[in-house]
Protein backbone atom coordinates (compact mmCIF):
# COMPACT_ATOMS: atom_id res chain seq x y z
CA UNK A 1 0.00 0.00 0.00
CA UNK A 2 1.41 3.37 -1.03
CA UNK A 3 2.04 6.02 1.62
CA UNK A 4 -0.01 9.07 0.70
CA UNK A 5 0.88 12.71 1.23
CA UNK A 6 -1.58 15.22 2.67
CA UNK A 7 -2.79 16.70 -0.67
CA UNK A 8 -3.59 13.23 -2.00
CA UNK A 9 -5.51 12.31 1.16
CA UNK A 10 -7.53 15.53 0.95
CA UNK A 11 -8.25 14.89 -2.73
CA UNK A 12 -9.46 11.36 -1.95
CA UNK A 13 -11.67 12.49 0.94
CA UNK A 14 -13.25 15.30 -1.05
CA UNK A 15 -13.83 13.05 -4.06
CA UNK A 16 -15.53 10.44 -1.90
CA UNK A 17 -17.61 13.16 -0.26
CA UNK A 18 -18.76 14.19 -3.74
CA UNK A 19 -20.06 10.63 -4.14
CA UNK A 20 -17.40 9.29 -6.50
CA UNK A 21 -16.89 5.54 -6.16
CA UNK A 22 -13.60 4.22 -4.74
CA UNK A 23 -12.62 2.94 -8.20
CA UNK A 24 -13.36 6.33 -9.78
CA UNK A 25 -11.27 8.03 -7.09
CA UNK A 26 -8.38 5.60 -7.62
CA UNK A 27 -8.48 6.40 -11.34
CA UNK A 28 -8.57 10.14 -10.62
CA UNK A 29 -5.57 9.85 -8.27
CA UNK A 30 -3.67 8.12 -11.10
CA UNK A 31 -4.54 10.99 -13.46
CA UNK A 32 -3.94 13.87 -11.04
CA UNK A 33 -0.96 12.64 -9.01
CA UNK A 34 0.47 9.80 -11.14
CA UNK A 35 0.05 7.42 -8.17
CA UNK A 36 -1.33 3.93 -8.44
CA UNK A 37 -3.59 3.00 -5.54
CA UNK A 38 -6.38 0.48 -5.35
CA UNK A 39 -9.96 1.04 -4.34
CA UNK A 40 -9.53 -0.76 -1.02
CA UNK A 41 -6.96 1.87 0.00
CA UNK A 42 -9.35 4.62 -1.12
CA UNK A 43 -12.12 3.09 1.02
CA UNK A 44 -10.01 3.76 4.14
CA UNK A 45 -10.81 7.47 3.69
CA UNK A 46 -14.61 7.12 3.66
CA UNK A 47 -15.95 7.59 7.21
CA UNK A 48 -19.39 6.31 6.15
CA UNK A 49 -17.95 2.85 5.50
CA UNK A 50 -16.63 0.25 7.91
CA UNK A 51 -13.09 0.48 6.53
CA UNK A 52 -13.01 4.23 7.23
CA UNK A 53 -14.10 4.05 10.86
CA UNK A 54 -10.57 4.92 12.13
CA UNK A 55 -10.26 8.09 10.05
CA UNK A 56 -8.96 11.06 12.07
CA UNK A 57 -11.43 13.72 13.22
CA UNK A 58 -10.04 16.43 10.93
CA UNK A 59 -10.62 14.22 7.89
CA UNK A 60 -14.09 13.21 9.07
CA UNK A 61 -14.94 16.89 9.47
CA UNK A 62 -13.56 17.67 6.00
CA UNK A 63 -15.63 14.81 4.55
CA UNK A 64 -18.82 15.98 6.28
CA UNK A 65 -18.36 19.64 5.24
CA UNK A 66 -17.64 18.68 1.64
CA UNK A 67 -20.59 16.27 1.50
CA UNK A 68 -22.90 18.93 2.93
CA UNK A 69 -21.79 21.49 0.33
CA UNK A 70 -22.04 18.94 -2.47
CA UNK A 71 -25.55 17.84 -1.48
CA UNK A 72 -26.65 21.46 -1.17
CA UNK A 73 -25.48 22.06 -4.74
CA UNK A 74 -22.82 24.54 -3.71
CA UNK A 75 -19.96 22.66 -5.35
CA UNK A 76 -19.69 23.35 -9.05
CA UNK A 77 -20.31 20.45 -11.37
CA UNK A 78 -18.72 21.56 -14.63
CA UNK A 79 -21.00 19.61 -16.96
CA UNK A 80 -24.02 21.38 -15.45
CA UNK A 81 -22.60 24.67 -16.75
CA UNK A 82 -23.69 25.56 -20.29
CA UNK A 83 -20.40 27.28 -21.18
CA UNK A 84 -18.39 24.27 -20.03
CA UNK A 85 -20.54 21.98 -22.19
CA UNK A 86 -20.10 24.26 -25.19
CA UNK A 87 -16.33 24.35 -24.65
CA UNK A 88 -16.24 20.55 -24.53
CA UNK A 89 -18.38 20.31 -27.68
CA UNK A 90 -15.93 22.68 -29.39
CA UNK A 91 -13.01 20.43 -28.39
CA UNK A 92 -14.81 17.38 -29.78
CA UNK A 93 -15.63 19.29 -32.97
CA UNK A 94 -11.98 20.25 -33.39
CA UNK A 95 -10.91 16.63 -32.81
CA UNK A 96 -13.45 15.23 -35.30
CA UNK A 97 -11.22 16.11 -38.25
CA UNK A 98 -12.98 15.34 -41.53
CA UNK A 99 -15.72 13.18 -40.02
CA UNK A 100 -18.72 15.11 -41.32
CA UNK A 101 -21.35 12.97 -39.60
CA UNK A 102 -19.77 13.52 -36.18
CA UNK A 103 -19.34 17.23 -36.86
CA UNK A 104 -22.97 17.52 -37.93
CA UNK A 105 -24.11 15.90 -34.67
CA UNK A 106 -21.88 18.19 -32.64
CA UNK A 107 -23.20 21.27 -34.45
CA UNK A 108 -26.75 20.16 -33.69
CA UNK A 109 -25.86 19.59 -30.04
CA UNK A 110 -24.24 23.04 -29.78
CA UNK A 111 -27.33 24.60 -31.35
CA UNK A 112 -29.54 22.84 -28.80
CA UNK A 113 -27.36 24.14 -25.98
CA UNK A 114 -27.73 27.73 -27.13
CA UNK A 115 -31.34 27.78 -28.37
CA UNK A 116 -34.27 26.58 -26.29
CA UNK A 117 -36.67 26.25 -29.25
CA UNK A 118 -35.53 22.71 -29.93
CA UNK A 119 -36.67 21.46 -26.54
CA UNK A 120 -40.26 20.28 -26.34
CA UNK A 121 -41.88 21.92 -23.35
CA UNK A 122 -45.46 21.34 -22.37
CA UNK A 123 -47.16 23.54 -19.82
CA UNK A 124 -49.91 21.94 -17.77
CA UNK A 125 -51.85 22.60 -14.62
CA UNK A 126 -51.46 20.89 -11.26
CA UNK A 127 -50.66 17.16 -11.51
CA UNK A 128 -50.66 17.28 -15.31
CA UNK A 129 -54.27 18.47 -15.61
CA UNK A 130 -55.36 21.00 -18.20
CA UNK A 131 -54.83 24.63 -17.39
CA UNK A 132 -57.94 26.42 -16.19
CA UNK A 133 -58.86 29.38 -18.34
CA UNK A 134 -61.09 32.10 -16.95
CA UNK A 135 -62.61 34.69 -19.21
CA UNK A 136 -63.62 37.86 -17.44
CA UNK A 137 -65.85 40.31 -19.25
CA UNK A 138 -66.32 43.81 -18.00
CA UNK A 139 -68.98 46.01 -19.40
CA UNK A 140 -68.30 49.70 -19.27
CA UNK A 141 -71.15 52.21 -19.61
C-alpha atoms as a PDB file:
ATOM      1  CA  UNK A   1       0.000   0.000   0.000  1.00  0.00           C
ATOM      2  CA  UNK A   2       1.409   3.371  -1.031  1.00  0.00           C
ATOM      3  CA  UNK A   3       2.036   6.020   1.623  1.00  0.00           C
ATOM      4  CA  UNK A   4      -0.013   9.069   0.697  1.00  0.00           C
ATOM      5  CA  UNK A   5       0.884  12.707   1.226  1.00  0.00           C
ATOM      6  CA  UNK A   6      -1.575  15.218   2.671  1.00  0.00           C
ATOM      7  CA  UNK A   7      -2.790  16.703  -0.667  1.00  0.00           C
ATOM      8  CA  UNK A   8      -3.586  13.226  -1.998  1.00  0.00           C
ATOM      9  CA  UNK A   9      -5.514  12.313   1.161  1.00  0.00           C
ATOM     10  CA  UNK A  10      -7.528  15.527   0.950  1.00  0.00           C
ATOM     11  CA  UNK A  11      -8.245  14.886  -2.732  1.00  0.00           C
ATOM     12  CA  UNK A  12      -9.463  11.357  -1.949  1.00  0.00           C
ATOM     13  CA  UNK A  13     -11.675  12.491   0.936  1.00  0.00           C
ATOM     14  CA  UNK A  14     -13.254  15.297  -1.055  1.00  0.00           C
ATOM     15  CA  UNK A  15     -13.829  13.053  -4.063  1.00  0.00           C
ATOM     16  CA  UNK A  16     -15.527  10.438  -1.904  1.00  0.00           C
ATOM     17  CA  UNK A  17     -17.613  13.159  -0.257  1.00  0.00           C
ATOM     18  CA  UNK A  18     -18.756  14.187  -3.743  1.00  0.00           C
ATOM     19  CA  UNK A  19     -20.064  10.628  -4.136  1.00  0.00           C
ATOM     20  CA  UNK A  20     -17.404   9.287  -6.496  1.00  0.00           C
ATOM     21  CA  UNK A  21     -16.886   5.540  -6.162  1.00  0.00           C
ATOM     22  CA  UNK A  22     -13.600   4.222  -4.739  1.00  0.00           C
ATOM     23  CA  UNK A  23     -12.623   2.945  -8.198  1.00  0.00           C
ATOM     24  CA  UNK A  24     -13.359   6.330  -9.781  1.00  0.00           C
ATOM     25  CA  UNK A  25     -11.272   8.026  -7.089  1.00  0.00           C
ATOM     26  CA  UNK A  26      -8.377   5.598  -7.619  1.00  0.00           C
ATOM     27  CA  UNK A  27      -8.481   6.397 -11.344  1.00  0.00           C
ATOM     28  CA  UNK A  28      -8.567  10.145 -10.617  1.00  0.00           C
ATOM     29  CA  UNK A  29      -5.566   9.845  -8.274  1.00  0.00           C
ATOM     30  CA  UNK A  30      -3.669   8.120 -11.096  1.00  0.00           C
ATOM     31  CA  UNK A  31      -4.541  10.990 -13.460  1.00  0.00           C
ATOM     32  CA  UNK A  32      -3.944  13.865 -11.040  1.00  0.00           C
ATOM     33  CA  UNK A  33      -0.959  12.642  -9.010  1.00  0.00           C
ATOM     34  CA  UNK A  34       0.466   9.800 -11.135  1.00  0.00           C
ATOM     35  CA  UNK A  35       0.054   7.420  -8.169  1.00  0.00           C
ATOM     36  CA  UNK A  36      -1.328   3.931  -8.444  1.00  0.00           C
ATOM     37  CA  UNK A  37      -3.590   3.003  -5.544  1.00  0.00           C
ATOM     38  CA  UNK A  38      -6.376   0.475  -5.354  1.00  0.00           C
ATOM     39  CA  UNK A  39      -9.962   1.039  -4.343  1.00  0.00           C
ATOM     40  CA  UNK A  40      -9.529  -0.759  -1.019  1.00  0.00           C
ATOM     41  CA  UNK A  41      -6.964   1.871  -0.001  1.00  0.00           C
ATOM     42  CA  UNK A  42      -9.347   4.621  -1.118  1.00  0.00           C
ATOM     43  CA  UNK A  43     -12.120   3.094   1.023  1.00  0.00           C
ATOM     44  CA  UNK A  44     -10.014   3.761   4.137  1.00  0.00           C
ATOM     45  CA  UNK A  45     -10.805   7.470   3.688  1.00  0.00           C
ATOM     46  CA  UNK A  46     -14.612   7.119   3.660  1.00  0.00           C
ATOM     47  CA  UNK A  47     -15.948   7.590   7.206  1.00  0.00           C
ATOM     48  CA  UNK A  48     -19.386   6.312   6.154  1.00  0.00           C
ATOM     49  CA  UNK A  49     -17.951   2.854   5.496  1.00  0.00           C
ATOM     50  CA  UNK A  50     -16.631   0.250   7.906  1.00  0.00           C
ATOM     51  CA  UNK A  51     -13.090   0.484   6.532  1.00  0.00           C
ATOM     52  CA  UNK A  52     -13.009   4.231   7.227  1.00  0.00           C
ATOM     53  CA  UNK A  53     -14.095   4.052  10.863  1.00  0.00           C
ATOM     54  CA  UNK A  54     -10.573   4.920  12.125  1.00  0.00           C
ATOM     55  CA  UNK A  55     -10.256   8.092  10.046  1.00  0.00           C
ATOM     56  CA  UNK A  56      -8.963  11.058  12.065  1.00  0.00           C
ATOM     57  CA  UNK A  57     -11.425  13.719  13.218  1.00  0.00           C
ATOM     58  CA  UNK A  58     -10.041  16.427  10.929  1.00  0.00           C
ATOM     59  CA  UNK A  59     -10.618  14.217   7.890  1.00  0.00           C
ATOM     60  CA  UNK A  60     -14.088  13.207   9.068  1.00  0.00           C
ATOM     61  CA  UNK A  61     -14.936  16.890   9.473  1.00  0.00           C
ATOM     62  CA  UNK A  62     -13.559  17.668   5.998  1.00  0.00           C
ATOM     63  CA  UNK A  63     -15.626  14.808   4.554  1.00  0.00           C
ATOM     64  CA  UNK A  64     -18.816  15.983   6.275  1.00  0.00           C
ATOM     65  CA  UNK A  65     -18.356  19.635   5.244  1.00  0.00           C
ATOM     66  CA  UNK A  66     -17.637  18.681   1.643  1.00  0.00           C
ATOM     67  CA  UNK A  67     -20.586  16.269   1.499  1.00  0.00           C
ATOM     68  CA  UNK A  68     -22.903  18.927   2.925  1.00  0.00           C
ATOM     69  CA  UNK A  69     -21.790  21.486   0.332  1.00  0.00           C
ATOM     70  CA  UNK A  70     -22.041  18.937  -2.467  1.00  0.00           C
ATOM     71  CA  UNK A  71     -25.545  17.839  -1.483  1.00  0.00           C
ATOM     72  CA  UNK A  72     -26.655  21.462  -1.170  1.00  0.00           C
ATOM     73  CA  UNK A  73     -25.476  22.058  -4.741  1.00  0.00           C
ATOM     74  CA  UNK A  74     -22.816  24.542  -3.708  1.00  0.00           C
ATOM     75  CA  UNK A  75     -19.964  22.664  -5.348  1.00  0.00           C
ATOM     76  CA  UNK A  76     -19.689  23.350  -9.049  1.00  0.00           C
ATOM     77  CA  UNK A  77     -20.315  20.448 -11.367  1.00  0.00           C
ATOM     78  CA  UNK A  78     -18.718  21.556 -14.626  1.00  0.00           C
ATOM     79  CA  UNK A  79     -21.000  19.613 -16.958  1.00  0.00           C
ATOM     80  CA  UNK A  80     -24.016  21.379 -15.452  1.00  0.00           C
ATOM     81  CA  UNK A  81     -22.604  24.670 -16.746  1.00  0.00           C
ATOM     82  CA  UNK A  82     -23.692  25.564 -20.291  1.00  0.00           C
ATOM     83  CA  UNK A  83     -20.405  27.281 -21.182  1.00  0.00           C
ATOM     84  CA  UNK A  84     -18.394  24.273 -20.028  1.00  0.00           C
ATOM     85  CA  UNK A  85     -20.543  21.984 -22.192  1.00  0.00           C
ATOM     86  CA  UNK A  86     -20.098  24.258 -25.192  1.00  0.00           C
ATOM     87  CA  UNK A  87     -16.334  24.354 -24.648  1.00  0.00           C
ATOM     88  CA  UNK A  88     -16.238  20.545 -24.534  1.00  0.00           C
ATOM     89  CA  UNK A  89     -18.383  20.311 -27.677  1.00  0.00           C
ATOM     90  CA  UNK A  90     -15.934  22.682 -29.388  1.00  0.00           C
ATOM     91  CA  UNK A  91     -13.008  20.433 -28.392  1.00  0.00           C
ATOM     92  CA  UNK A  92     -14.807  17.380 -29.781  1.00  0.00           C
ATOM     93  CA  UNK A  93     -15.631  19.293 -32.970  1.00  0.00           C
ATOM     94  CA  UNK A  94     -11.975  20.250 -33.394  1.00  0.00           C
ATOM     95  CA  UNK A  95     -10.914  16.628 -32.809  1.00  0.00           C
ATOM     96  CA  UNK A  96     -13.452  15.232 -35.301  1.00  0.00           C
ATOM     97  CA  UNK A  97     -11.219  16.114 -38.248  1.00  0.00           C
ATOM     98  CA  UNK A  98     -12.978  15.339 -41.529  1.00  0.00           C
ATOM     99  CA  UNK A  99     -15.725  13.175 -40.016  1.00  0.00           C
ATOM    100  CA  UNK A 100     -18.724  15.110 -41.317  1.00  0.00           C
ATOM    101  CA  UNK A 101     -21.353  12.971 -39.597  1.00  0.00           C
ATOM    102  CA  UNK A 102     -19.774  13.518 -36.181  1.00  0.00           C
ATOM    103  CA  UNK A 103     -19.340  17.231 -36.857  1.00  0.00           C
ATOM    104  CA  UNK A 104     -22.974  17.520 -37.926  1.00  0.00           C
ATOM    105  CA  UNK A 105     -24.113  15.896 -34.671  1.00  0.00           C
ATOM    106  CA  UNK A 106     -21.883  18.187 -32.637  1.00  0.00           C
ATOM    107  CA  UNK A 107     -23.199  21.269 -34.450  1.00  0.00           C
ATOM    108  CA  UNK A 108     -26.750  20.165 -33.687  1.00  0.00           C
ATOM    109  CA  UNK A 109     -25.856  19.593 -30.044  1.00  0.00           C
ATOM    110  CA  UNK A 110     -24.236  23.039 -29.783  1.00  0.00           C
ATOM    111  CA  UNK A 111     -27.332  24.597 -31.347  1.00  0.00           C
ATOM    112  CA  UNK A 112     -29.538  22.841 -28.800  1.00  0.00           C
ATOM    113  CA  UNK A 113     -27.362  24.144 -25.978  1.00  0.00           C
ATOM    114  CA  UNK A 114     -27.735  27.733 -27.127  1.00  0.00           C
ATOM    115  CA  UNK A 115     -31.345  27.783 -28.374  1.00  0.00           C
ATOM    116  CA  UNK A 116     -34.272  26.578 -26.290  1.00  0.00           C
ATOM    117  CA  UNK A 117     -36.670  26.251 -29.245  1.00  0.00           C
ATOM    118  CA  UNK A 118     -35.530  22.706 -29.932  1.00  0.00           C
ATOM    119  CA  UNK A 119     -36.673  21.457 -26.540  1.00  0.00           C
ATOM    120  CA  UNK A 120     -40.259  20.282 -26.340  1.00  0.00           C
ATOM    121  CA  UNK A 121     -41.877  21.924 -23.352  1.00  0.00           C
ATOM    122  CA  UNK A 122     -45.462  21.339 -22.371  1.00  0.00           C
ATOM    123  CA  UNK A 123     -47.163  23.538 -19.821  1.00  0.00           C
ATOM    124  CA  UNK A 124     -49.911  21.941 -17.769  1.00  0.00           C
ATOM    125  CA  UNK A 125     -51.852  22.599 -14.621  1.00  0.00           C
ATOM    126  CA  UNK A 126     -51.459  20.894 -11.265  1.00  0.00           C
ATOM    127  CA  UNK A 127     -50.659  17.160 -11.505  1.00  0.00           C
ATOM    128  CA  UNK A 128     -50.663  17.276 -15.309  1.00  0.00           C
ATOM    129  CA  UNK A 129     -54.268  18.467 -15.605  1.00  0.00           C
ATOM    130  CA  UNK A 130     -55.356  20.997 -18.201  1.00  0.00           C
ATOM    131  CA  UNK A 131     -54.835  24.635 -17.394  1.00  0.00           C
ATOM    132  CA  UNK A 132     -57.937  26.423 -16.188  1.00  0.00           C
ATOM    133  CA  UNK A 133     -58.864  29.376 -18.337  1.00  0.00           C
ATOM    134  CA  UNK A 134     -61.085  32.101 -16.945  1.00  0.00           C
ATOM    135  CA  UNK A 135     -62.612  34.689 -19.206  1.00  0.00           C
ATOM    136  CA  UNK A 136     -63.621  37.857 -17.442  1.00  0.00           C
ATOM    137  CA  UNK A 137     -65.853  40.308 -19.250  1.00  0.00           C
ATOM    138  CA  UNK A 138     -66.318  43.805 -18.001  1.00  0.00           C
ATOM    139  CA  UNK A 139     -68.982  46.014 -19.398  1.00  0.00           C
ATOM    140  CA  UNK A 140     -68.303  49.705 -19.269  1.00  0.00           C
ATOM    141  CA  UNK A 141     -71.155  52.210 -19.613  1.00  0.00           C
END
